[in-house]
Amino acid sequence: MTALTKAIHLAGSATNLARRLGVSNMTVSQWKNRYRGIVPAERVIPIYKLTGVTPHELRPDIYPNLKDGLSDSTEPSGVDINHKF
């Protein structure tokens, strides 16, 4: 299971993840299929905040250490990702 697949599972669906990130379902589908689970660097921290999947899990090439990208200001929000606004 890729880290993106894990994030999708934790979000409840690719649609939920896309909606919360403000991107289209097609975008998430492309990350998963065309780019083999590699998400753009600028989406790593938002995905972490929404799902708790760490930057290291999502992009070990740019976050090589387990704690890279983590700080008090980047803690997962704990928000119910399925809550509809």
C-alpha atoms as a PDB file:
ATOM      1  CA  MET A   1       0.000   0.000   0.000  1.00  0.00           C
ATOM      2  CA  THR A   2       1.422   3.388  -0.950  1.00  0.00           C
ATOM      3  CA  ALA A   3       1.293   6.298   1.470  1.00  0.00           C
ATOM      4  CA  LEU A   4      -1.212   7.997  -0.826  1.00  0.00           C
ATOM      5  CA  THR A   5      -3.444   4.911  -0.749  1.00  0.00           C
ATOM      6  CA  LYS A   6      -3.197   4.998   3.047  1.00  0.00           C
ATOM      7  CA  ALA A   7      -4.187   8.692   3.055  1.00  0.00           C
ATOM      8  CA  ILE A   8      -7.139   7.969   0.758  1.00  0.00           C
ATOM      9  CA  HIS A   9      -8.248   5.156   3.060  1.00  0.00           C
ATOM     10  CA  LEU A  10      -7.968   7.390   6.140  1.00  0.00           C
ATOM     11  CA  ALA A  11      -9.906  10.141   4.358  1.00  0.00           C
ATOM     12  CA  GLY A  12     -12.689   7.692   3.594  1.00  0.00           C
ATOM     13  CA  SER A  13     -12.327   7.984  -0.167  1.00  0.00           C
ATOM     14  CA  ALA A  14     -10.344   9.687  -2.901  1.00  0.00           C
ATOM     15  CA  THR A  15     -13.315  12.027  -3.343  1.00  0.00           C
ATOM     16  CA  ASN A  16     -13.157  13.114   0.308  1.00  0.00           C
ATOM     17  CA  LEU A  17      -9.409  13.663   0.123  1.00  0.00           C
ATOM     18  CA  ALA A  18      -9.705  15.664  -3.097  1.00  0.00           C
ATOM     19  CA  ARG A  19     -12.514  17.810  -1.696  1.00  0.00           C
ATOM     20  CA  ARG A  20     -10.614  18.605   1.494  1.00  0.00           C
ATOM     21  CA  LEU A  21      -7.472  19.477  -0.486  1.00  0.00           C
ATOM     22  CA  GLY A  22      -9.416  21.636  -2.936  1.00  0.00           C
ATOM     23  CA  VAL A  23      -8.406  19.574  -5.963  1.00  0.00           C
ATOM     24  CA  SER A  24     -10.383  17.479  -8.416  1.00  0.00           C
ATOM     25  CA  ASN A  25     -10.951  13.747  -8.106  1.00  0.00           C
ATOM     26  CA  MET A  26      -9.003  13.408 -11.358  1.00  0.00           C
ATOM     27  CA  THR A  27      -5.982  15.061  -9.738  1.00  0.00           C
ATOM     28  CA  VAL A  28      -5.912  12.535  -6.898  1.00  0.00           C
ATOM     29  CA  SER A  29      -6.447   9.734  -9.422  1.00  0.00           C
ATOM     30  CA  GLN A  30      -3.462  10.958 -11.441  1.00  0.00           C
ATOM     31  CA  TRP A  31      -1.267  11.080  -8.340  1.00  0.00           C
ATOM     32  CA  LYS A  32      -2.290   7.513  -7.536  1.00  0.00           C
ATOM     33  CA  ASN A  33      -2.085   5.989 -11.008  1.00  0.00           C
ATOM     34  CA  ARG A  34      -0.019   8.073 -13.408  1.00  0.00           C
ATOM     35  CA  TYR A  35       2.525   9.210 -10.821  1.00  0.00           C
ATOM     36  CA  ARG A  36       2.491   5.921  -8.844  1.00  0.00           C
ATOM     37  CA  GLY A  37       1.454   7.507  -5.553  1.00  0.00           C
ATOM     38  CA  ILE A  38       3.884  10.416  -5.680  1.00  0.00           C
ATOM     39  CA  VAL A  39       2.141  13.607  -4.621  1.00  0.00           C
ATOM     40  CA  PRO A  40       3.422  17.116  -5.379  1.00  0.00           C
ATOM     41  CA  ALA A  41       5.674  18.520  -2.656  1.00  0.00           C
ATOM     42  CA  GLU A  42       3.243  21.353  -1.913  1.00  0.00           C
ATOM     43  CA  ARG A  43       0.494  18.827  -1.060  1.00  0.00           C
ATOM     44  CA  VAL A  44       2.522  16.747   1.421  1.00  0.00           C
ATOM     45  CA  ILE A  45       1.925  18.865   4.542  1.00  0.00           C
ATOM     46  CA  PRO A  46      -1.797  19.427   3.806  1.00  0.00           C
ATOM     47  CA  ILE A  47      -2.271  15.659   3.378  1.00  0.00           C
ATOM     48  CA  TYR A  48      -0.400  15.067   6.639  1.00  0.00           C
ATOM     49  CA  LYS A  49      -2.583  17.608   8.442  1.00  0.00           C
ATOM     50  CA  LEU A  50      -5.739  15.948   7.133  1.00  0.00           C
ATOM     51  CA  THR A  51      -4.812  12.287   7.546  1.00  0.00           C
ATOM     52  CA  GLY A  52      -1.755  11.938   9.765  1.00  0.00           C
ATOM     53  CA  VAL A  53       0.219  10.203   6.987  1.00  0.00           C
ATOM     54  CA  THR A  54       3.670  11.671   7.580  1.00  0.00           C
ATOM     55  CA  PRO A  55       5.710  13.683   5.097  1.00  0.00           C
ATOM     56  CA  HIS A  56       8.367  10.951   5.273  1.00  0.00           C
ATOM     57  CA  GLU A  57       5.799   8.320   4.260  1.00  0.00           C
ATOM     58  CA  LEU A  58       4.434  10.474   1.430  1.00  0.00           C
ATOM     59  CA  ARG A  59       7.731  11.740  -0.020  1.00  0.00           C
ATOM     60  CA  PRO A  60      10.820  10.093   1.486  1.00  0.00           C
ATOM     61  CA  ASP A  61      12.852  11.623  -1.342  1.00  0.00           C
ATOM     62  CA  ILE A  62      12.341  15.133   0.077  1.00  0.00           C
ATOM     63  CA  TYR A  63      11.649  14.162   3.717  1.00  0.00           C
ATOM     64  CA  PRO A  64      14.300  11.439   4.250  1.00  0.00           C
ATOM     65  CA  ASN A  65      14.119  11.381   8.065  1.00  0.00           C
ATOM     66  CA  LEU A  66      11.068  10.190   9.986  1.00  0.00           C
ATOM     67  CA  LYS A  67      10.547  13.561  11.693  1.00  0.00           C
ATOM     68  CA  ASP A  68      11.265  15.769   8.660  1.00  0.00           C
ATOM     69  CA  GLY A  69       8.451  18.174   7.912  1.00  0.00           C
ATOM     70  CA  LEU A  70       6.946  17.772  11.369  1.00  0.00           C
ATOM     71  CA  SER A  71       6.644  20.594  13.858  1.00  0.00           C
ATOM     72  CA  ASP A  72       4.093  21.889  16.333  1.00  0.00           C
ATOM     73  CA  SER A  73       2.473  23.924  13.562  1.00  0.00           C
ATOM     74  CA  THR A  74       2.081  20.912  11.270  1.00  0.00           C
ATOM     75  CA  GLU A  75       0.354  18.537  13.682  1.00  0.00           C
ATOM     76  CA  PRO A  76      -2.644  16.716  12.244  1.00  0.00           C
ATOM     77  CA  SER A  77      -5.731  18.812  12.794  1.00  0.00           C
ATOM     78  CA  GLY A  78      -7.789  16.026  14.272  1.00  0.00           C
ATOM     79  CA  VAL A  79     -10.687  17.367  12.238  1.00  0.00           C
ATOM     80  CA  ASP A  80     -13.231  14.789  11.139  1.00  0.00           C
ATOM     81  CA  ILE A  81     -12.305  14.554   7.471  1.00  0.00           C
ATOM     82  CA  ASN A  82     -15.771  13.258   6.632  1.00  0.00           C
ATOM     83  CA  HIS A  83     -17.470  16.311   8.122  1.00  0.00           C
ATOM     84  CA  LYS A  84     -19.237  18.244   5.392  1.00  0.00           C
ATOM     85  CA  PHE A  85     -18.875  22.004   5.565  1.00  0.00           C
END
